[in-house]
PDB file of N, CA and C in Angstrom:
ATOM      1  N   MET A   1       8.944  10.539  -6.818  1.00  0.00           N
ATOM      2  CA  MET A   1       7.856   9.884  -5.845  1.00  0.00           C
ATOM      3  C   MET A   1       6.662  10.679  -5.631  1.00  0.00           C
ATOM      4  N   CYS A   2       5.777  10.384  -5.883  1.00  0.00           N
ATOM      5  CA  CYS A   2       4.462  11.334  -5.380  1.00  0.00           C
ATOM      6  C   CYS A   2       4.246  11.221  -4.043  1.00  0.00           C
ATOM      7  N   ASN A   3       4.762  10.496  -3.107  1.00  0.00           N
ATOM      8  CA  ASN A   3       4.351  10.614  -1.700  1.00  0.00           C
ATOM      9  C   ASN A   3       5.823  11.147  -0.912  1.00  0.00           C
ATOM     10  N   LYS A   4       6.711  11.496  -2.009  1.00  0.00           N
ATOM     11  CA  LYS A   4       8.017  11.597  -1.017  1.00  0.00           C
ATOM     12  C   LYS A   4       8.747  10.703  -0.288  1.00  0.00           C
ATOM     13  N   GLY A   5       8.041   9.180  -0.282  1.00  0.00           N
ATOM     14  CA  GLY A   5       8.713   8.065   0.555  1.00  0.00           C
ATOM     15  C   GLY A   5       7.902   7.871   1.713  1.00  0.00           C
ATOM     16  N   ALA A   6       6.759   8.535   1.865  1.00  0.00           N
ATOM     17  CA  ALA A   6       6.163   8.481   2.841  1.00  0.00           C
ATOM     18  C   ALA A   6       5.645   7.082   3.211  1.00  0.00           C
ATOM     19  N   ALA A   7       5.686   6.720   4.510  1.00  0.00           N
ATOM     20  CA  ALA A   7       5.061   5.311   4.767  1.00  0.00           C
ATOM     21  C   ALA A   7       3.799   5.273   4.505  1.00  0.00           C
ATOM     22  N   GLY A   8       3.225   4.164   4.381  1.00  0.00           N
ATOM     23  CA  GLY A   8       1.725   3.774   4.028  1.00  0.00           C
ATOM     24  C   GLY A   8       1.176   3.187   5.134  1.00  0.00           C
ATOM     25  N   VAL A   9      -0.012   2.425   5.316  1.00  0.00           N
ATOM     26  CA  VAL A   9      -0.773   1.890   6.316  1.00  0.00           C
ATOM     27  C   VAL A   9       0.245   0.507   7.040  1.00  0.00           C
ATOM     28  N   ASP A  10       1.089   0.212   6.467  1.00  0.00           N
ATOM     29  CA  ASP A  10       1.947  -0.918   6.667  1.00  0.00           C
ATOM     30  C   ASP A  10       3.213  -0.422   7.410  1.00  0.00           C
ATOM     31  N   MET A  11       3.551   0.928   7.374  1.00  0.00           N
ATOM     32  CA  MET A  11       4.102   2.021   8.202  1.00  0.00           C
ATOM     33  C   MET A  11       5.895   1.295   7.538  1.00  0.00           C
ATOM     34  N   MET A  12       5.818   1.011   6.528  1.00  0.00           N
ATOM     35  CA  MET A  12       7.083   0.591   5.651  1.00  0.00           C
ATOM     36  C   MET A  12       7.342   1.935   4.493  1.00  0.00           C
ATOM     37  N   GLU A  13       8.535   2.616   4.530  1.00  0.00           N
ATOM     38  CA  GLU A  13       8.800   3.689   3.761  1.00  0.00           C
ATOM     39  C   GLU A  13       8.990   2.914   2.431  1.00  0.00           C
ATOM     40  N   VAL A  14       8.904   3.637   1.161  1.00  0.00           N
ATOM     41  CA  VAL A  14       8.875   3.362  -0.188  1.00  0.00           C
ATOM     42  C   VAL A  14      10.318   2.525  -0.330  1.00  0.00           C
ATOM     43  N   ASP A  15      11.378   3.305   0.001  1.00  0.00           N
ATOM     44  CA  ASP A  15      12.726   3.095  -0.062  1.00  0.00           C
ATOM     45  C   ASP A  15      13.048   1.671   0.603  1.00  0.00           C
ATOM     46  N   SER A  16      12.330   1.111   1.426  1.00  0.00           N
ATOM     47  CA  SER A  16      12.532  -0.223   2.158  1.00  0.00           C
ATOM     48  C   SER A  16      11.766  -1.358   1.356  1.00  0.00           C
ATOM     49  N   PHE A  17      10.933  -0.968   0.586  1.00  0.00           N
ATOM     50  CA  PHE A  17       9.859  -1.873   0.190  1.00  0.00           C
ATOM     51  C   PHE A  17      10.998  -2.766  -0.876  1.00  0.00           C
ATOM     52  N   LYS A  18      11.644  -2.335  -1.976  1.00  0.00           N
ATOM     53  CA  LYS A  18      12.356  -3.142  -2.818  1.00  0.00           C
ATOM     54  C   LYS A  18      13.187  -4.253  -2.016  1.00  0.00           C
ATOM     55  N   ASP A  19      13.824  -3.921  -0.928  1.00  0.00           N
ATOM     56  CA  ASP A  19      14.881  -4.676  -0.240  1.00  0.00           C
ATOM     57  C   ASP A  19      13.873  -5.783   0.320  1.00  0.00           C
ATOM     58  N   TYR A  20      12.621  -5.359   0.996  1.00  0.00           N
ATOM     59  CA  TYR A  20      11.728  -6.350   1.442  1.00  0.00           C
ATOM     60  C   TYR A  20      11.295  -7.444   0.579  1.00  0.00           C
ATOM     61  N   LEU A  21      10.769  -6.897  -0.619  1.00  0.00           N
ATOM     62  CA  LEU A  21      10.113  -7.510  -1.547  1.00  0.00           C
ATOM     63  C   LEU A  21      11.277  -8.604  -2.194  1.00  0.00           C
ATOM     64  N   VAL A  22      12.219  -8.416  -2.269  1.00  0.00           N
ATOM     65  CA  VAL A  22      13.326  -9.199  -2.639  1.00  0.00           C
ATOM     66  C   VAL A  22      13.727 -10.338  -1.831  1.00  0.00           C
ATOM     67  N   SER A  23      13.773 -10.010  -0.401  1.00  0.00           N
ATOM     68  CA  SER A  23      14.027 -11.131   0.652  1.00  0.00           C
ATOM     69  C   SER A  23      12.536 -11.847   1.030  1.00  0.00           C
ATOM     70  N   GLN A  24      11.664 -11.231   0.592  1.00  0.00           N
ATOM     71  CA  GLN A  24      10.318 -11.956   0.989  1.00  0.00           C
ATOM     72  C   GLN A  24       9.512 -12.561  -0.178  1.00  0.00           C
ATOM     73  N   LYS A  25      10.178 -12.704  -1.267  1.00  0.00           N
ATOM     74  CA  LYS A  25       9.503 -12.729  -2.492  1.00  0.00           C
ATOM     75  C   LYS A  25       9.146 -14.193  -2.438  1.00  0.00           C
ATOM     76  N   ASP A  26       9.683 -15.408  -2.145  1.00  0.00           N
ATOM     77  CA  ASP A  26       9.604 -16.911  -2.243  1.00  0.00           C
ATOM     78  C   ASP A  26       8.291 -16.982  -1.480  1.00  0.00           C
ATOM     79  N   ALA A  27       8.320 -16.229  -0.061  1.00  0.00           N
ATOM     80  CA  ALA A  27       7.162 -16.613   0.812  1.00  0.00           C
ATOM     81  C   ALA A  27       6.091 -15.859   0.566  1.00  0.00           C
ATOM     82  N   LEU A  28       6.093 -14.776  -0.246  1.00  0.00           N
ATOM     83  CA  LEU A  28       4.827 -14.052  -0.705  1.00  0.00           C
ATOM     84  C   LEU A  28       4.130 -15.020  -1.852  1.00  0.00           C
ATOM     85  N   ILE A  29       4.899 -15.239  -2.676  1.00  0.00           N
ATOM     86  CA  ILE A  29       4.563 -16.181  -3.780  1.00  0.00           C
ATOM     87  C   ILE A  29       3.832 -17.546  -3.303  1.00  0.00           C
ATOM     88  N   CYS A  30       4.254 -18.104  -2.196  1.00  0.00           N
ATOM     89  CA  CYS A  30       3.494 -19.154  -1.602  1.00  0.00           C
ATOM     90  C   CYS A  30       2.441 -18.950  -0.978  1.00  0.00           C
ATOM     91  N   SER A  31       2.291 -17.742  -0.181  1.00  0.00           N
ATOM     92  CA  SER A  31       1.407 -17.648   0.324  1.00  0.00           C
ATOM     93  C   SER A  31       0.309 -17.186  -0.675  1.00  0.00           C
ATOM     94  N   ILE A  32       0.423 -16.565  -1.626  1.00  0.00           N
ATOM     95  CA  ILE A  32      -0.595 -16.239  -2.568  1.00  0.00           C
ATOM     96  C   ILE A  32      -1.190 -17.332  -3.346  1.00  0.00           C
ATOM     97  N   LEU A  33      -0.154 -18.246  -3.705  1.00  0.00           N
ATOM     98  CA  LEU A  33      -0.527 -19.332  -4.371  1.00  0.00           C
ATOM     99  C   LEU A  33      -1.430 -20.338  -3.699  1.00  0.00           C
ATOM    100  N   GLY A  34      -0.772 -20.462  -2.166  1.00  0.00           N
ATOM    101  CA  GLY A  34      -1.546 -21.370  -1.085  1.00  0.00           C
ATOM    102  C   GLY A  34      -2.994 -20.575  -0.555  1.00  0.00           C
ATOM    103  N   GLY A  35      -3.403 -19.420  -1.124  1.00  0.00           N
ATOM    104  CA  GLY A  35      -4.720 -18.862  -0.472  1.00  0.00           C
ATOM    105  C   GLY A  35      -4.542 -18.359   0.811  1.00  0.00           C
ATOM    106  N   ARG A  36      -3.174 -18.167   1.596  1.00  0.00           N
ATOM    107  CA  ARG A  36      -2.979 -17.541   2.656  1.00  0.00           C
ATOM    108  C   ARG A  36      -2.786 -15.996   2.886  1.00  0.00           C
ATOM    109  N   TYR A  37      -2.676 -15.540   1.665  1.00  0.00           N
ATOM    110  CA  TYR A  37      -2.499 -14.027   1.615  1.00  0.00           C
ATOM    111  C   TYR A  37      -3.480 -13.203   1.955  1.00  0.00           C
ATOM    112  N   ARG A  38      -3.328 -12.308   2.774  1.00  0.00           N
ATOM    113  CA  ARG A  38      -4.707 -11.473   2.980  1.00  0.00           C
ATOM    114  C   ARG A  38      -3.985  -9.969   3.092  1.00  0.00           C
ATOM    115  N   ARG A  39      -4.366  -9.274   2.364  1.00  0.00           N
ATOM    116  CA  ARG A  39      -3.986  -7.782   2.182  1.00  0.00           C
ATOM    117  C   ARG A  39      -4.696  -6.971   3.308  1.00  0.00           C
ATOM    118  N   HIS A  40      -3.714  -5.822   3.601  1.00  0.00           N
ATOM    119  CA  HIS A  40      -4.279  -4.944   4.598  1.00  0.00           C
ATOM    120  C   HIS A  40      -5.292  -4.241   4.110  1.00  0.00           C
ATOM    121  N   PRO A  41      -6.381  -3.685   4.577  1.00  0.00           N
ATOM    122  CA  PRO A  41      -7.723  -2.813   4.311  1.00  0.00           C
ATOM    123  C   PRO A  41      -6.690  -1.377   3.914  1.00  0.00           C
ATOM    124  N   THR A  42      -7.487  -0.828   2.774  1.00  0.00           N
ATOM    125  CA  THR A  42      -6.943   0.385   2.270  1.00  0.00           C
ATOM    126  C   THR A  42      -7.378   1.764   3.304  1.00  0.00           C
ATOM    127  N   ARG A  43      -6.830   2.772   3.082  1.00  0.00           N
ATOM    128  CA  ARG A  43      -7.396   3.626   3.996  1.00  0.00           C
ATOM    129  C   ARG A  43      -7.716   4.567   3.083  1.00  0.00           C
ATOM    130  N   ARG A  44      -9.226   5.055   3.298  1.00  0.00           N
ATOM    131  CA  ARG A  44     -10.022   5.905   2.443  1.00  0.00           C
ATOM    132  C   ARG A  44      -9.680   7.412   2.701  1.00  0.00           C
ATOM    133  N   VAL A  45      -9.407   8.185   1.852  1.00  0.00           N
ATOM    134  CA  VAL A  45      -8.945   9.620   1.953  1.00  0.00           C
ATOM    135  C   VAL A  45      -9.998  10.303   1.250  1.00  0.00           C
ATOM    136  N   PHE A  46     -10.506  11.472   1.922  1.00  0.00           N
ATOM    137  CA  PHE A  46     -11.297  12.260   1.186  1.00  0.00           C
ATOM    138  C   PHE A  46     -10.389  13.509   0.487  1.00  0.00           C
ATOM    139  N   ILE A  47     -10.608  13.758  -0.501  1.00  0.00           N
ATOM    140  CA  ILE A  47      -9.920  14.981  -1.242  1.00  0.00           C
ATOM    141  C   ILE A  47     -10.938  16.006  -1.453  1.00  0.00           C
ATOM    142  N   PRO A  48     -10.612  17.034  -1.041  1.00  0.00           N
ATOM    143  CA  PRO A  48     -11.663  18.280  -1.213  1.00  0.00           C
ATOM    144  C   PRO A  48     -11.512  18.936  -2.664  1.00  0.00           C
ATOM    145  N   LYS A  49     -12.493  19.322  -3.487  1.00  0.00           N
ATOM    146  CA  LYS A  49     -12.444  19.666  -4.686  1.00  0.00           C
ATOM    147  C   LYS A  49     -12.955  21.111  -4.677  1.00  0.00           C
ATOM    148  N   GLY A  50     -12.758  21.859  -5.719  1.00  0.00           N
ATOM    149  CA  GLY A  50     -12.994  23.149  -5.942  1.00  0.00           C
ATOM    150  C   GLY A  50     -14.423  23.559  -5.711  1.00  0.00           C
ATOM    151  N   ASN A  51     -15.292  22.599  -6.249  1.00  0.00           N
ATOM    152  CA  ASN A  51     -16.535  22.941  -6.250  1.00  0.00           C
ATOM    153  C   ASN A  51     -17.361  22.754  -4.968  1.00  0.00           C
ATOM    154  N   GLY A  52     -16.881  22.483  -4.084  1.00  0.00           N
ATOM    155  CA  GLY A  52     -17.250  22.177  -2.601  1.00  0.00           C
ATOM    156  C   GLY A  52     -17.429  20.806  -2.293  1.00  0.00           C
ATOM    157  N   MET A  53     -17.139  19.821  -3.311  1.00  0.00           N
ATOM    158  CA  MET A  53     -17.830  18.515  -3.201  1.00  0.00           C
ATOM    159  C   MET A  53     -16.529  17.848  -2.741  1.00  0.00           C
ATOM    160  N   ALA A  54     -16.424  16.497  -2.538  1.00  0.00           N
ATOM    161  CA  ALA A  54     -15.083  15.975  -2.076  1.00  0.00           C
ATOM    162  C   ALA A  54     -15.272  14.657  -2.896  1.00  0.00           C
ATOM    163  N   GLN A  55     -13.836  13.954  -3.214  1.00  0.00           N
ATOM    164  CA  GLN A  55     -13.980  12.717  -3.848  1.00  0.00           C
ATOM    165  C   GLN A  55     -12.991  12.060  -2.911  1.00  0.00           C
ATOM    166  N   HIS A  56     -13.398  10.670  -2.808  1.00  0.00           N
ATOM    167  CA  HIS A  56     -12.912   9.730  -1.924  1.00  0.00           C
ATOM    168  C   HIS A  56     -11.727   8.711  -2.958  1.00  0.00           C
ATOM    169  N   THR A  57     -10.508   8.371  -2.253  1.00  0.00           N
ATOM    170  CA  THR A  57      -9.671   7.304  -3.044  1.00  0.00           C
ATOM    171  C   THR A  57     -10.393   5.928  -2.615  1.00  0.00           C
ATOM    172  N   ASP A  58     -10.149   5.034  -3.292  1.00  0.00           N
ATOM    173  CA  ASP A  58     -10.364   3.712  -2.764  1.00  0.00           C
ATOM    174  C   ASP A  58      -9.081   2.899  -3.315  1.00  0.00           C
TER     175      ASP A  58
END
């Protein structure tokens, strides 16, 4: 795991995600197909580079 299991913007740890997805699969599919699903905004992170510049993630 690249993030060592750390929680994301939704505060859910990586290990908990599979159980959540299995239990909420049908509701998630219905909300996507019904046009009701709204994703959380992504958190922009700036990564300093060796040349003094910064690269952002999206």
